C-alpha cells in the first residue's frame, strides 16, 4: 500500500461558494460531477497514483470544525495559498509553522463552510 489515504471528501452546504473558494486559493478548477445523488467538485492532480478527493454536497455531508483533519498539499510555499484564504472568505487558524527538518511546514484554515483544513509543504 503506497498511501494510507486514497480518497477524501470535504462536506459542503453551499457548493458554488465552496467551489469558488478552493478554485481561488489553489488556482485550479475543480471538476464538477455527480455520484450517488451528490454534487462533487473533484480536485484534479498531476498523477493518477496520488491521493485525490472532492468537495461534496449531498445527504449526510455536514461541514464541521471538529471532525477528522486532512492536510492538503500547499505547494512549494504555504504562504502562496494562505495569502488567498481570507480574500476568498475563509479564515486562518494557524499561520505557516515549521515542524521539523524532516517534516517541513504546516498551516490550518477554516474554509467558507466551516471545515477545518490543514496545509502541508516540505519547504
PDB file of N, CA and C in Angstrom:
ATOM      1  N   UNK A   1       0.850  -1.167   0.000  1.00  0.00           N
ATOM      2  CA  UNK A   1       0.000   0.000   0.000  1.00  0.00           C
ATOM      3  C   UNK A   1       0.904   1.240   0.000  1.00  0.00           C
ATOM      4  N   UNK A   2       0.776   2.074  -1.042  1.00  0.00           N
ATOM      5  CA  UNK A   2       1.596   3.279  -1.169  1.00  0.00           C
ATOM      6  C   UNK A   2       1.182   4.376  -0.207  1.00  0.00           C
ATOM      7  N   UNK A   3      -0.115   4.652  -0.128  1.00  0.00           N
ATOM      8  CA  UNK A   3      -0.643   5.722   0.718  1.00  0.00           C
ATOM      9  C   UNK A   3      -1.689   5.155   1.658  1.00  0.00           C
ATOM     10  N   UNK A   4      -1.691   5.608   2.890  1.00  0.00           N
ATOM     11  CA  UNK A   4      -2.729   5.195   3.824  1.00  0.00           C
ATOM     12  C   UNK A   4      -4.070   5.782   3.398  1.00  0.00           C
ATOM     13  N   UNK A   5      -4.051   7.022   2.947  1.00  0.00           N
ATOM     14  CA  UNK A   5      -5.269   7.679   2.467  1.00  0.00           C
ATOM     15  C   UNK A   5      -5.315   7.567   0.946  1.00  0.00           C
ATOM     16  N   UNK A   6      -6.476   7.201   0.408  1.00  0.00           N
ATOM     17  CA  UNK A   6      -6.603   7.087  -1.041  1.00  0.00           C
ATOM     18  C   UNK A   6      -7.651   8.050  -1.608  1.00  0.00           C
ATOM     19  N   UNK A   7      -8.530   8.576  -0.779  1.00  0.00           N
ATOM     20  CA  UNK A   7      -9.600   9.478  -1.238  1.00  0.00           C
ATOM     21  C   UNK A   7     -10.092  10.276  -0.045  1.00  0.00           C
ATOM     22  N   UNK A   8     -10.467  11.541  -0.258  1.00  0.00           N
ATOM     23  CA  UNK A   8     -11.053  12.336   0.815  1.00  0.00           C
ATOM     24  C   UNK A   8     -12.254  13.089   0.270  1.00  0.00           C
ATOM     25  N   UNK A   9     -13.181  13.429   1.153  1.00  0.00           N
ATOM     26  CA  UNK A   9     -14.356  14.209   0.796  1.00  0.00           C
ATOM     27  C   UNK A   9     -14.554  15.304   1.828  1.00  0.00           C
ATOM     28  N   UNK A  10     -14.672  16.530   1.353  1.00  0.00           N
ATOM     29  CA  UNK A  10     -14.901  17.685   2.214  1.00  0.00           C
ATOM     30  C   UNK A  10     -16.368  18.074   2.063  1.00  0.00           C
ATOM     31  N   UNK A  11     -17.158  17.951   3.134  1.00  0.00           N
ATOM     32  CA  UNK A  11     -18.583  18.254   3.034  1.00  0.00           C
ATOM     33  C   UNK A  11     -18.849  19.750   2.898  1.00  0.00           C
ATOM     34  N   UNK A  12     -19.845  20.093   2.074  1.00  0.00           N
ATOM     35  CA  UNK A  12     -20.219  21.494   1.874  1.00  0.00           C
ATOM     36  C   UNK A  12     -21.740  21.617   1.801  1.00  0.00           C
ATOM     37  N   UNK A  13     -22.250  22.779   2.199  1.00  0.00           N
ATOM     38  CA  UNK A  13     -23.656  23.119   2.013  1.00  0.00           C
ATOM     39  C   UNK A  13     -23.815  23.995   0.768  1.00  0.00           C
ATOM     40  N   UNK A  14     -23.023  25.052   0.684  1.00  0.00           N
ATOM     41  CA  UNK A  14     -23.097  25.992  -0.431  1.00  0.00           C
ATOM     42  C   UNK A  14     -22.019  25.600  -1.442  1.00  0.00           C
ATOM     43  N   UNK A  15     -22.393  24.758  -2.389  1.00  0.00           N
ATOM     44  CA  UNK A  15     -21.420  24.197  -3.320  1.00  0.00           C
ATOM     45  C   UNK A  15     -20.706  25.265  -4.138  1.00  0.00           C
ATOM     46  N   UNK A  16     -21.460  26.208  -4.697  1.00  0.00           N
ATOM     47  CA  UNK A  16     -20.846  27.239  -5.538  1.00  0.00           C
ATOM     48  C   UNK A  16     -19.824  28.068  -4.766  1.00  0.00           C
ATOM     49  N   UNK A  17     -20.168  28.429  -3.533  1.00  0.00           N
ATOM     50  CA  UNK A  17     -19.254  29.211  -2.704  1.00  0.00           C
ATOM     51  C   UNK A  17     -17.989  28.407  -2.381  1.00  0.00           C
ATOM     52  N   UNK A  18     -18.152  27.145  -1.994  1.00  0.00           N
ATOM     53  CA  UNK A  18     -17.003  26.303  -1.661  1.00  0.00           C
ATOM     54  C   UNK A  18     -16.136  26.049  -2.892  1.00  0.00           C
ATOM     55  N   UNK A  19     -16.767  25.806  -4.020  1.00  0.00           N
ATOM     56  CA  UNK A  19     -16.022  25.586  -5.265  1.00  0.00           C
ATOM     57  C   UNK A  19     -15.200  26.819  -5.607  1.00  0.00           C
ATOM     58  N   UNK A  20     -15.802  27.981  -5.508  1.00  0.00           N
ATOM     59  CA  UNK A  20     -15.099  29.232  -5.782  1.00  0.00           C
ATOM     60  C   UNK A  20     -13.927  29.417  -4.824  1.00  0.00           C
ATOM     61  N   UNK A  21     -14.131  29.103  -3.539  1.00  0.00           N
ATOM     62  CA  UNK A  21     -13.088  29.226  -2.523  1.00  0.00           C
ATOM     63  C   UNK A  21     -11.875  28.375  -2.882  1.00  0.00           C
ATOM     64  N   UNK A  22     -12.077  27.093  -3.119  1.00  0.00           N
ATOM     65  CA  UNK A  22     -10.952  26.195  -3.403  1.00  0.00           C
ATOM     66  C   UNK A  22     -10.301  26.496  -4.751  1.00  0.00           C
ATOM     67  N   UNK A  23     -11.100  26.844  -5.736  1.00  0.00           N
ATOM     68  CA  UNK A  23     -10.521  27.248  -7.025  1.00  0.00           C
ATOM     69  C   UNK A  23      -9.608  28.453  -6.841  1.00  0.00           C
ATOM     70  N   UNK A  24     -10.060  29.407  -6.017  1.00  0.00           N
ATOM     71  CA  UNK A  24      -9.293  30.641  -5.823  1.00  0.00           C
ATOM     72  C   UNK A  24      -7.999  30.406  -5.057  1.00  0.00           C
ATOM     73  N   UNK A  25      -8.071  29.731  -3.921  1.00  0.00           N
ATOM     74  CA  UNK A  25      -6.862  29.614  -3.097  1.00  0.00           C
ATOM     75  C   UNK A  25      -5.804  28.716  -3.724  1.00  0.00           C
ATOM     76  N   UNK A  26      -6.217  27.726  -4.507  1.00  0.00           N
ATOM     77  CA  UNK A  26      -5.241  26.836  -5.139  1.00  0.00           C
ATOM     78  C   UNK A  26      -4.969  27.172  -6.607  1.00  0.00           C
ATOM     79  N   UNK A  27      -5.731  28.110  -7.179  1.00  0.00           N
ATOM     80  CA  UNK A  27      -5.537  28.467  -8.578  1.00  0.00           C
ATOM     81  C   UNK A  27      -5.844  27.304  -9.513  1.00  0.00           C
ATOM     82  N   UNK A  28      -6.940  26.598  -9.222  1.00  0.00           N
ATOM     83  CA  UNK A  28      -7.319  25.414 -10.000  1.00  0.00           C
ATOM     84  C   UNK A  28      -8.766  25.530 -10.440  1.00  0.00           C
ATOM     85  N   UNK A  29      -9.238  24.539 -11.156  1.00  0.00           N
ATOM     86  CA  UNK A  29     -10.651  24.391 -11.492  1.00  0.00           C
ATOM     87  C   UNK A  29     -11.077  22.997 -11.059  1.00  0.00           C
ATOM     88  N   UNK A  30     -11.918  22.919 -10.010  1.00  0.00           N
ATOM     89  CA  UNK A  30     -12.443  21.626  -9.604  1.00  0.00           C
ATOM     90  C   UNK A  30     -13.287  21.061 -10.743  1.00  0.00           C
ATOM     91  N   UNK A  31     -13.262  19.752 -10.899  1.00  0.00           N
ATOM     92  CA  UNK A  31     -14.043  19.085 -11.944  1.00  0.00           C
ATOM     93  C   UNK A  31     -15.397  18.688 -11.356  1.00  0.00           C
ATOM     94  N   UNK A  32     -16.471  19.325 -11.861  1.00  0.00           N
ATOM     95  CA  UNK A  32     -17.819  19.055 -11.348  1.00  0.00           C
ATOM     96  C   UNK A  32     -18.345  17.740 -11.874  1.00  0.00           C
ATOM     97  N   UNK A  33     -19.019  17.022 -10.983  1.00  0.00           N
ATOM     98  CA  UNK A  33     -19.652  15.771 -11.374  1.00  0.00           C
ATOM     99  C   UNK A  33     -20.710  15.406 -10.359  1.00  0.00           C
ATOM    100  N   UNK A  34     -21.328  14.266 -10.557  1.00  0.00           N
ATOM    101  CA  UNK A  34     -22.348  13.780  -9.650  1.00  0.00           C
ATOM    102  C   UNK A  34     -22.135  12.295  -9.428  1.00  0.00           C
ATOM    103  N   UNK A  35     -22.325  11.875  -8.191  1.00  0.00           N
ATOM    104  CA  UNK A  35     -22.182  10.462  -7.857  1.00  0.00           C
ATOM    105  C   UNK A  35     -23.158  10.129  -6.740  1.00  0.00           C
ATOM    106  N   UNK A  36     -23.947   9.121  -6.945  1.00  0.00           N
ATOM    107  CA  UNK A  36     -24.925   8.668  -5.948  1.00  0.00           C
ATOM    108  C   UNK A  36     -25.789   9.796  -5.408  1.00  0.00           C
ATOM    109  N   UNK A  37     -26.216  10.697  -6.279  1.00  0.00           N
ATOM    110  CA  UNK A  37     -27.093  11.801  -5.896  1.00  0.00           C
ATOM    111  C   UNK A  37     -26.381  12.959  -5.220  1.00  0.00           C
ATOM    112  N   UNK A  38     -25.075  12.927  -5.181  1.00  0.00           N
ATOM    113  CA  UNK A  38     -24.294  14.002  -4.559  1.00  0.00           C
ATOM    114  C   UNK A  38     -23.576  14.815  -5.632  1.00  0.00           C
ATOM    115  N   UNK A  39     -23.528  16.120  -5.426  1.00  0.00           N
ATOM    116  CA  UNK A  39     -22.768  17.003  -6.294  1.00  0.00           C
ATOM    117  C   UNK A  39     -21.331  17.003  -5.797  1.00  0.00           C
ATOM    118  N   UNK A  40     -20.382  16.819  -6.720  1.00  0.00           N
ATOM    119  CA  UNK A  40     -18.973  16.722  -6.338  1.00  0.00           C
ATOM    120  C   UNK A  40     -18.127  17.684  -7.149  1.00  0.00           C
ATOM    121  N   UNK A  41     -17.098  18.222  -6.515  1.00  0.00           N
ATOM    122  CA  UNK A  41     -16.081  19.026  -7.178  1.00  0.00           C
ATOM    123  C   UNK A  41     -14.745  18.343  -6.915  1.00  0.00           C
ATOM    124  N   UNK A  42     -14.241  17.629  -7.897  1.00  0.00           N
ATOM    125  CA  UNK A  42     -13.053  16.797  -7.715  1.00  0.00           C
ATOM    126  C   UNK A  42     -11.782  17.614  -7.903  1.00  0.00           C
ATOM    127  N   UNK A  43     -10.879  17.479  -6.938  1.00  0.00           N
ATOM    128  CA  UNK A  43      -9.542  18.072  -7.051  1.00  0.00           C
ATOM    129  C   UNK A  43      -8.783  17.219  -8.060  1.00  0.00           C
ATOM    130  N   UNK A  44      -8.363  17.822  -9.135  1.00  0.00           N
ATOM    131  CA  UNK A  44      -7.596  17.084 -10.136  1.00  0.00           C
ATOM    132  C   UNK A  44      -6.121  17.334  -9.887  1.00  0.00           C
ATOM    133  N   UNK A  45      -5.345  16.275  -9.947  1.00  0.00           N
ATOM    134  CA  UNK A  45      -3.918  16.396  -9.657  1.00  0.00           C
ATOM    135  C   UNK A  45      -3.085  15.911 -10.815  1.00  0.00           C
ATOM    136  N   UNK A  46      -1.796  15.948 -10.612  1.00  0.00           N
ATOM    137  CA  UNK A  46      -0.846  15.590 -11.653  1.00  0.00           C
ATOM    138  C   UNK A  46      -0.809  14.117 -11.994  1.00  0.00           C
ATOM    139  N   UNK A  47      -0.649  13.246 -10.985  1.00  0.00           N
ATOM    140  CA  UNK A  47      -0.513  11.828 -11.314  1.00  0.00           C
ATOM    141  C   UNK A  47      -1.711  11.035 -10.827  1.00  0.00           C
ATOM    142  N   UNK A  48      -1.936   9.901 -11.470  1.00  0.00           N
ATOM    143  CA  UNK A  48      -3.081   9.059 -11.136  1.00  0.00           C
ATOM    144  C   UNK A  48      -2.842   8.228  -9.886  1.00  0.00           C
ATOM    145  N   UNK A  49      -1.597   8.164  -9.407  1.00  0.00           N
ATOM    146  CA  UNK A  49      -1.280   7.331  -8.262  1.00  0.00           C
ATOM    147  C   UNK A  49      -1.373   8.069  -6.931  1.00  0.00           C
ATOM    148  N   UNK A  50      -1.539   9.374  -6.961  1.00  0.00           N
ATOM    149  CA  UNK A  50      -1.602  10.153  -5.727  1.00  0.00           C
ATOM    150  C   UNK A  50      -2.952  10.055  -5.057  1.00  0.00           C
ATOM    151  N   UNK A  51      -3.086  10.766  -3.960  1.00  0.00           N
ATOM    152  CA  UNK A  51      -4.351  10.830  -3.235  1.00  0.00           C
ATOM    153  C   UNK A  51      -5.219  11.890  -3.882  1.00  0.00           C
ATOM    154  N   UNK A  52      -6.488  11.572  -4.091  1.00  0.00           N
ATOM    155  CA  UNK A  52      -7.419  12.507  -4.703  1.00  0.00           C
ATOM    156  C   UNK A  52      -8.645  12.644  -3.805  1.00  0.00           C
ATOM    157  N   UNK A  53      -9.449  13.660  -4.074  1.00  0.00           N
ATOM    158  CA  UNK A  53     -10.646  13.868  -3.284  1.00  0.00           C
ATOM    159  C   UNK A  53     -11.532  14.927  -3.898  1.00  0.00           C
ATOM    160  N   UNK A  54     -12.564  15.319  -3.136  1.00  0.00           N
ATOM    161  CA  UNK A  54     -13.562  16.233  -3.678  1.00  0.00           C
ATOM    162  C   UNK A  54     -14.269  16.990  -2.570  1.00  0.00           C
ATOM    163  N   UNK A  55     -14.866  18.125  -2.947  1.00  0.00           N
ATOM    164  CA  UNK A  55     -15.871  18.744  -2.093  1.00  0.00           C
ATOM    165  C   UNK A  55     -17.179  18.059  -2.475  1.00  0.00           C
ATOM    166  N   UNK A  56     -18.056  17.850  -1.505  1.00  0.00           N
ATOM    167  CA  UNK A  56     -19.271  17.077  -1.775  1.00  0.00           C
ATOM    168  C   UNK A  56     -20.470  17.721  -1.084  1.00  0.00           C
ATOM    169  N   UNK A  57     -21.546  17.871  -1.857  1.00  0.00           N
ATOM    170  CA  UNK A  57     -22.822  18.347  -1.310  1.00  0.00           C
ATOM    171  C   UNK A  57     -23.843  17.235  -1.512  1.00  0.00           C
ATOM    172  N   UNK A  58     -24.448  16.815  -0.408  1.00  0.00           N
ATOM    173  CA  UNK A  58     -25.455  15.773  -0.503  1.00  0.00           C
ATOM    174  C   UNK A  58     -25.908  15.332   0.868  1.00  0.00           C
ATOM    175  N   UNK A  59     -26.873  14.447   0.881  1.00  0.00           N
ATOM    176  CA  UNK A  59     -27.426  13.955   2.142  1.00  0.00           C
ATOM    177  C   UNK A  59     -26.332  13.296   2.978  1.00  0.00           C
ATOM    178  N   UNK A  60     -26.255  13.694   4.239  1.00  0.00           N
ATOM    179  CA  UNK A  60     -25.278  13.114   5.150  1.00  0.00           C
ATOM    180  C   UNK A  60     -23.931  13.816   5.166  1.00  0.00           C
ATOM    181  N   UNK A  61     -23.728  14.799   4.289  1.00  0.00           N
ATOM    182  CA  UNK A  61     -22.474  15.551   4.253  1.00  0.00           C
ATOM    183  C   UNK A  61     -22.670  16.854   5.019  1.00  0.00           C
ATOM    184  N   UNK A  62     -22.078  16.922   6.205  1.00  0.00           N
ATOM    185  CA  UNK A  62     -22.279  18.056   7.102  1.00  0.00           C
ATOM    186  C   UNK A  62     -20.923  18.685   7.429  1.00  0.00           C
ATOM    187  N   UNK A  63     -20.688  19.911   6.975  1.00  0.00           N
ATOM    188  CA  UNK A  63     -19.424  20.579   7.310  1.00  0.00           C
ATOM    189  C   UNK A  63     -19.276  20.750   8.822  1.00  0.00           C
ATOM    190  N   UNK A  64     -18.039  20.637   9.316  1.00  0.00           N
ATOM    191  CA  UNK A  64     -17.795  20.871  10.740  1.00  0.00           C
ATOM    192  C   UNK A  64     -16.331  21.196  10.987  1.00  0.00           C
ATOM    193  N   UNK A  65     -16.061  21.718  12.160  1.00  0.00           N
ATOM    194  CA  UNK A  65     -14.693  22.102  12.514  1.00  0.00           C
ATOM    195  C   UNK A  65     -14.063  21.159  13.521  1.00  0.00           C
ATOM    196  N   UNK A  66     -14.684  20.024  13.789  1.00  0.00           N
ATOM    197  CA  UNK A  66     -14.173  19.136  14.822  1.00  0.00           C
ATOM    198  C   UNK A  66     -14.077  17.680  14.388  1.00  0.00           C
ATOM    199  N   UNK A  67     -14.203  17.406  13.109  1.00  0.00           N
ATOM    200  CA  UNK A  67     -14.073  16.046  12.608  1.00  0.00           C
ATOM    201  C   UNK A  67     -12.636  15.735  12.239  1.00  0.00           C
ATOM    202  N   UNK A  68     -12.430  14.693  11.466  1.00  0.00           N
ATOM    203  CA  UNK A  68     -11.074  14.359  11.024  1.00  0.00           C
ATOM    204  C   UNK A  68     -10.430  15.545  10.300  1.00  0.00           C
ATOM    205  N   UNK A  69      -9.139  15.666  10.470  1.00  0.00           N
ATOM    206  CA  UNK A  69      -8.406  16.771   9.862  1.00  0.00           C
ATOM    207  C   UNK A  69      -7.579  16.240   8.699  1.00  0.00           C
ATOM    208  N   UNK A  70      -7.787  16.803   7.510  1.00  0.00           N
ATOM    209  CA  UNK A  70      -6.963  16.428   6.362  1.00  0.00           C
ATOM    210  C   UNK A  70      -5.999  17.571   6.066  1.00  0.00           C
ATOM    211  N   UNK A  71      -4.862  17.215   5.532  1.00  0.00           N
ATOM    212  CA  UNK A  71      -3.867  18.200   5.112  1.00  0.00           C
ATOM    213  C   UNK A  71      -3.753  18.135   3.605  1.00  0.00           C
ATOM    214  N   UNK A  72      -4.027  19.263   2.952  1.00  0.00           N
ATOM    215  CA  UNK A  72      -3.894  19.356   1.508  1.00  0.00           C
ATOM    216  C   UNK A  72      -2.500  19.858   1.159  1.00  0.00           C
ATOM    217  N   UNK A  73      -2.042  19.516  -0.020  1.00  0.00           N
ATOM    218  CA  UNK A  73      -0.724  19.926  -0.483  1.00  0.00           C
ATOM    219  C   UNK A  73      -0.724  21.425  -0.718  1.00  0.00           C
ATOM    220  N   UNK A  74       0.085  22.139   0.045  1.00  0.00           N
ATOM    221  CA  UNK A  74       0.164  23.591  -0.057  1.00  0.00           C
ATOM    222  C   UNK A  74       1.155  24.076  -1.094  1.00  0.00           C
ATOM    223  N   UNK A  75       1.733  23.174  -1.870  1.00  0.00           N
ATOM    224  CA  UNK A  75       2.683  23.569  -2.897  1.00  0.00           C
ATOM    225  C   UNK A  75       4.038  23.902  -2.309  1.00  0.00           C
ATOM    226  N   UNK A  76       4.835  24.630  -3.062  1.00  0.00           N
ATOM    227  CA  UNK A  76       6.200  24.938  -2.663  1.00  0.00           C
ATOM    228  C   UNK A  76       6.255  25.815  -1.414  1.00  0.00           C
ATOM    229  N   UNK A  77       5.349  26.780  -1.313  1.00  0.00           N
ATOM    230  CA  UNK A  77       5.340  27.703  -0.176  1.00  0.00           C
ATOM    231  C   UNK A  77       3.900  27.901   0.296  1.00  0.00           C
ATOM    232  N   UNK A  78       3.610  27.510   1.522  1.00  0.00           N
ATOM    233  CA  UNK A  78       2.253  27.628   2.065  1.00  0.00           C
ATOM    234  C   UNK A  78       1.715  29.045   2.041  1.00  0.00           C
ATOM    235  N   UNK A  79       2.597  30.028   2.101  1.00  0.00           N
ATOM    236  CA  UNK A  79       2.142  31.421   2.107  1.00  0.00           C
ATOM    237  C   UNK A  79       1.420  31.796   0.819  1.00  0.00           C
ATOM    238  N   UNK A  80       1.715  31.125  -0.288  1.00  0.00           N
ATOM    239  CA  UNK A  80       1.014  31.397  -1.547  1.00  0.00           C
ATOM    240  C   UNK A  80      -0.472  31.090  -1.396  1.00  0.00           C
ATOM    241  N   UNK A  81      -0.783  29.932  -0.828  1.00  0.00           N
ATOM    242  CA  UNK A  81      -2.182  29.539  -0.607  1.00  0.00           C
ATOM    243  C   UNK A  81      -2.793  30.363   0.529  1.00  0.00           C
ATOM    244  N   UNK A  82      -2.074  30.485   1.650  1.00  0.00           N
ATOM    245  CA  UNK A  82      -2.601  31.222   2.801  1.00  0.00           C
ATOM    246  C   UNK A  82      -2.952  32.663   2.472  1.00  0.00           C
ATOM    247  N   UNK A  83      -2.200  33.274   1.578  1.00  0.00           N
ATOM    248  CA  UNK A  83      -2.460  34.678   1.228  1.00  0.00           C
ATOM    249  C   UNK A  83      -3.800  34.858   0.533  1.00  0.00           C
ATOM    250  N   UNK A  84      -4.409  33.779   0.077  1.00  0.00           N
ATOM    251  CA  UNK A  84      -5.682  33.858  -0.640  1.00  0.00           C
ATOM    252  C   UNK A  84      -6.874  33.412   0.197  1.00  0.00           C
ATOM    253  N   UNK A  85      -6.634  32.803   1.352  1.00  0.00           N
ATOM    254  CA  UNK A  85      -7.705  32.231   2.167  1.00  0.00           C
ATOM    255  C   UNK A  85      -8.720  33.281   2.617  1.00  0.00           C
ATOM    256  N   UNK A  86      -8.273  34.362   3.234  1.00  0.00           N
ATOM    257  CA  UNK A  86      -9.207  35.360   3.769  1.00  0.00           C
ATOM    258  C   UNK A  86      -9.910  36.134   2.666  1.00  0.00           C
ATOM    259  N   UNK A  87      -9.205  36.452   1.577  1.00  0.00           N
ATOM    260  CA  UNK A  87      -9.866  37.180   0.480  1.00  0.00           C
ATOM    261  C   UNK A  87     -10.913  36.313  -0.211  1.00  0.00           C
ATOM    262  N   UNK A  88     -10.822  34.979  -0.040  1.00  0.00           N
ATOM    263  CA  UNK A  88     -11.805  34.071  -0.625  1.00  0.00           C
ATOM    264  C   UNK A  88     -12.922  33.722   0.355  1.00  0.00           C
ATOM    265  N   UNK A  89     -12.871  34.285   1.577  1.00  0.00           N
ATOM    266  CA  UNK A  89     -13.956  34.082   2.528  1.00  0.00           C
ATOM    267  C   UNK A  89     -13.655  33.121   3.664  1.00  0.00           C
ATOM    268  N   UNK A  90     -12.462  32.565   3.708  1.00  0.00           N
ATOM    269  CA  UNK A  90     -12.084  31.666   4.799  1.00  0.00           C
ATOM    270  C   UNK A  90     -11.365  32.432   5.894  1.00  0.00           C
ATOM    271  N   UNK A  91     -10.873  31.701   6.896  1.00  0.00           N
ATOM    272  CA  UNK A  91     -10.097  32.340   7.959  1.00  0.00           C
ATOM    273  C   UNK A  91      -8.938  31.429   8.362  1.00  0.00           C
ATOM    274  N   UNK A  92      -7.820  32.037   8.664  1.00  0.00           N
ATOM    275  CA  UNK A  92      -6.618  31.294   9.012  1.00  0.00           C
ATOM    276  C   UNK A  92      -6.636  30.987  10.507  1.00  0.00           C
ATOM    277  N   UNK A  93      -6.377  29.734  10.841  1.00  0.00           N
ATOM    278  CA  UNK A  93      -6.306  29.289  12.227  1.00  0.00           C
ATOM    279  C   UNK A  93      -4.848  29.253  12.678  1.00  0.00           C
ATOM    280  N   UNK A  94      -3.979  28.735  11.806  1.00  0.00           N
ATOM    281  CA  UNK A  94      -2.563  28.580  12.116  1.00  0.00           C
ATOM    282  C   UNK A  94      -1.752  29.043  10.916  1.00  0.00           C
ATOM    283  N   UNK A  95      -0.956  30.061  11.106  1.00  0.00           N
ATOM    284  CA  UNK A  95      -0.071  30.543  10.034  1.00  0.00           C
ATOM    285  C   UNK A  95       0.968  29.466   9.714  1.00  0.00           C
ATOM    286  N   UNK A  96       1.695  29.647   8.639  1.00  0.00           N
ATOM    287  CA  UNK A  96       2.759  28.724   8.258  1.00  0.00           C
ATOM    288  C   UNK A  96       3.675  28.505   9.459  1.00  0.00           C
ATOM    289  N   UNK A  97       3.814  27.237   9.855  1.00  0.00           N
ATOM    290  CA  UNK A  97       4.556  26.878  11.047  1.00  0.00           C
ATOM    291  C   UNK A  97       5.551  25.770  10.742  1.00  0.00           C
ATOM    292  N   UNK A  98       6.799  25.986  11.118  1.00  0.00           N
ATOM    293  CA  UNK A  98       7.845  24.987  10.929  1.00  0.00           C
ATOM    294  C   UNK A  98       7.659  23.870  11.949  1.00  0.00           C
ATOM    295  N   UNK A  99       7.651  22.616  11.484  1.00  0.00           N
ATOM    296  CA  UNK A  99       7.516  21.470  12.377  1.00  0.00           C
ATOM    297  C   UNK A  99       8.901  20.896  12.681  1.00  0.00           C
ATOM    298  N   UNK A 100       9.627  20.513  11.626  1.00  0.00           N
ATOM    299  CA  UNK A 100      10.990  19.997  11.777  1.00  0.00           C
ATOM    300  C   UNK A 100      11.610  19.881  10.385  1.00  0.00           C
ATOM    301  N   UNK A 101      12.909  19.658  10.341  1.00  0.00           N
ATOM    302  CA  UNK A 101      13.601  19.490   9.052  1.00  0.00           C
ATOM    303  C   UNK A 101      13.042  18.294   8.292  1.00  0.00           C
ATOM    304  N   UNK A 102      12.730  17.218   8.990  1.00  0.00           N
ATOM    305  CA  UNK A 102      12.252  16.012   8.311  1.00  0.00           C
ATOM    306  C   UNK A 102      10.787  16.097   7.893  1.00  0.00           C
ATOM    307  N   UNK A 103      10.011  16.952   8.561  1.00  0.00           N
ATOM    308  CA  UNK A 103       8.581  17.072   8.247  1.00  0.00           C
ATOM    309  C   UNK A 103       8.309  18.254   7.326  1.00  0.00           C
ATOM    310  N   UNK A 104       8.773  19.423   7.673  1.00  0.00           N
ATOM    311  CA  UNK A 104       8.517  20.620   6.873  1.00  0.00           C
ATOM    312  C   UNK A 104       7.597  21.576   7.589  1.00  0.00           C
ATOM    313  N   UNK A 105       6.598  22.107   6.864  1.00  0.00           N
ATOM    314  CA  UNK A 105       5.728  23.160   7.376  1.00  0.00           C
ATOM    315  C   UNK A 105       4.258  22.755   7.299  1.00  0.00           C
ATOM    316  N   UNK A 106       3.478  23.296   8.224  1.00  0.00           N
ATOM    317  CA  UNK A 106       2.034  23.111   8.215  1.00  0.00           C
ATOM    318  C   UNK A 106       1.351  24.454   8.441  1.00  0.00           C
ATOM    319  N   UNK A 107       0.094  24.514   8.096  1.00  0.00           N
ATOM    320  CA  UNK A 107      -0.778  25.659   8.361  1.00  0.00           C
ATOM    321  C   UNK A 107      -2.192  25.106   8.441  1.00  0.00           C
ATOM    322  N   UNK A 108      -3.132  25.932   8.896  1.00  0.00           N
ATOM    323  CA  UNK A 108      -4.503  25.476   9.032  1.00  0.00           C
ATOM    324  C   UNK A 108      -5.471  26.631   8.810  1.00  0.00           C
ATOM    325  N   UNK A 109      -6.627  26.329   8.216  1.00  0.00           N
ATOM    326  CA  UNK A 109      -7.648  27.349   7.984  1.00  0.00           C
ATOM    327  C   UNK A 109      -9.037  26.757   8.077  1.00  0.00           C
ATOM    328  N   UNK A 110     -10.034  27.645   8.225  1.00  0.00           N
ATOM    329  CA  UNK A 110     -11.441  27.275   8.067  1.00  0.00           C
ATOM    330  C   UNK A 110     -11.835  27.677   6.665  1.00  0.00           C
ATOM    331  N   UNK A 111     -12.496  26.773   5.941  1.00  0.00           N
ATOM    332  CA  UNK A 111     -12.996  27.147   4.619  1.00  0.00           C
ATOM    333  C   UNK A 111     -14.312  27.900   4.767  1.00  0.00           C
ATOM    334  N   UNK A 112     -14.946  28.240   3.675  1.00  0.00           N
ATOM    335  CA  UNK A 112     -16.189  29.016   3.718  1.00  0.00           C
ATOM    336  C   UNK A 112     -17.354  28.237   4.319  1.00  0.00           C
ATOM    337  N   UNK A 113     -17.201  26.927   4.451  1.00  0.00           N
ATOM    338  CA  UNK A 113     -18.257  26.099   5.004  1.00  0.00           C
ATOM    339  C   UNK A 113     -18.048  25.789   6.485  1.00  0.00           C
ATOM    340  N   UNK A 114     -16.914  26.240   7.046  1.00  0.00           N
ATOM    341  CA  UNK A 114     -16.618  25.985   8.446  1.00  0.00           C
ATOM    342  C   UNK A 114     -15.783  24.741   8.690  1.00  0.00           C
ATOM    343  N   UNK A 115     -15.312  24.090   7.616  1.00  0.00           N
ATOM    344  CA  UNK A 115     -14.448  22.930   7.770  1.00  0.00           C
ATOM    345  C   UNK A 115     -13.041  23.373   8.151  1.00  0.00           C
ATOM    346  N   UNK A 116     -12.426  22.642   9.059  1.00  0.00           N
ATOM    347  CA  UNK A 116     -11.036  22.880   9.447  1.00  0.00           C
ATOM    348  C   UNK A 116     -10.161  22.053   8.511  1.00  0.00           C
ATOM    349  N   UNK A 117      -9.276  22.739   7.776  1.00  0.00           N
ATOM    350  CA  UNK A 117      -8.428  22.096   6.775  1.00  0.00           C
ATOM    351  C   UNK A 117      -6.973  22.446   7.036  1.00  0.00           C
ATOM    352  N   UNK A 118      -6.096  21.458   6.928  1.00  0.00           N
ATOM    353  CA  UNK A 118      -4.682  21.678   7.095  1.00  0.00           C
ATOM    354  C   UNK A 118      -3.999  21.803   5.744  1.00  0.00           C
ATOM    355  N   UNK A 119      -2.842  22.445   5.752  1.00  0.00           N
ATOM    356  CA  UNK A 119      -1.979  22.544   4.576  1.00  0.00           C
ATOM    357  C   UNK A 119      -0.609  22.000   4.958  1.00  0.00           C
ATOM    358  N   UNK A 120       0.069  21.394   3.982  1.00  0.00           N
ATOM    359  CA  UNK A 120       1.400  20.858   4.219  1.00  0.00           C
ATOM    360  C   UNK A 120       2.328  21.244   3.084  1.00  0.00           C
ATOM    361  N   UNK A 121       3.576  21.501   3.425  1.00  0.00           N
ATOM    362  CA  UNK A 121       4.620  21.736   2.437  1.00  0.00           C
ATOM    363  C   UNK A 121       5.946  21.303   3.036  1.00  0.00           C
ATOM    364  N   UNK A 122       6.783  20.699   2.217  1.00  0.00           N
ATOM    365  CA  UNK A 122       8.096  20.259   2.677  1.00  0.00           C
ATOM    366  C   UNK A 122       9.030  21.419   2.933  1.00  0.00           C
ATOM    367  N   UNK A 123       8.757  22.578   2.304  1.00  0.00           N
ATOM    368  CA  UNK A 123       9.632  23.746   2.454  1.00  0.00           C
ATOM    369  C   UNK A 123       8.835  24.976   2.833  1.00  0.00           C
TER     370      UNK A 123
END
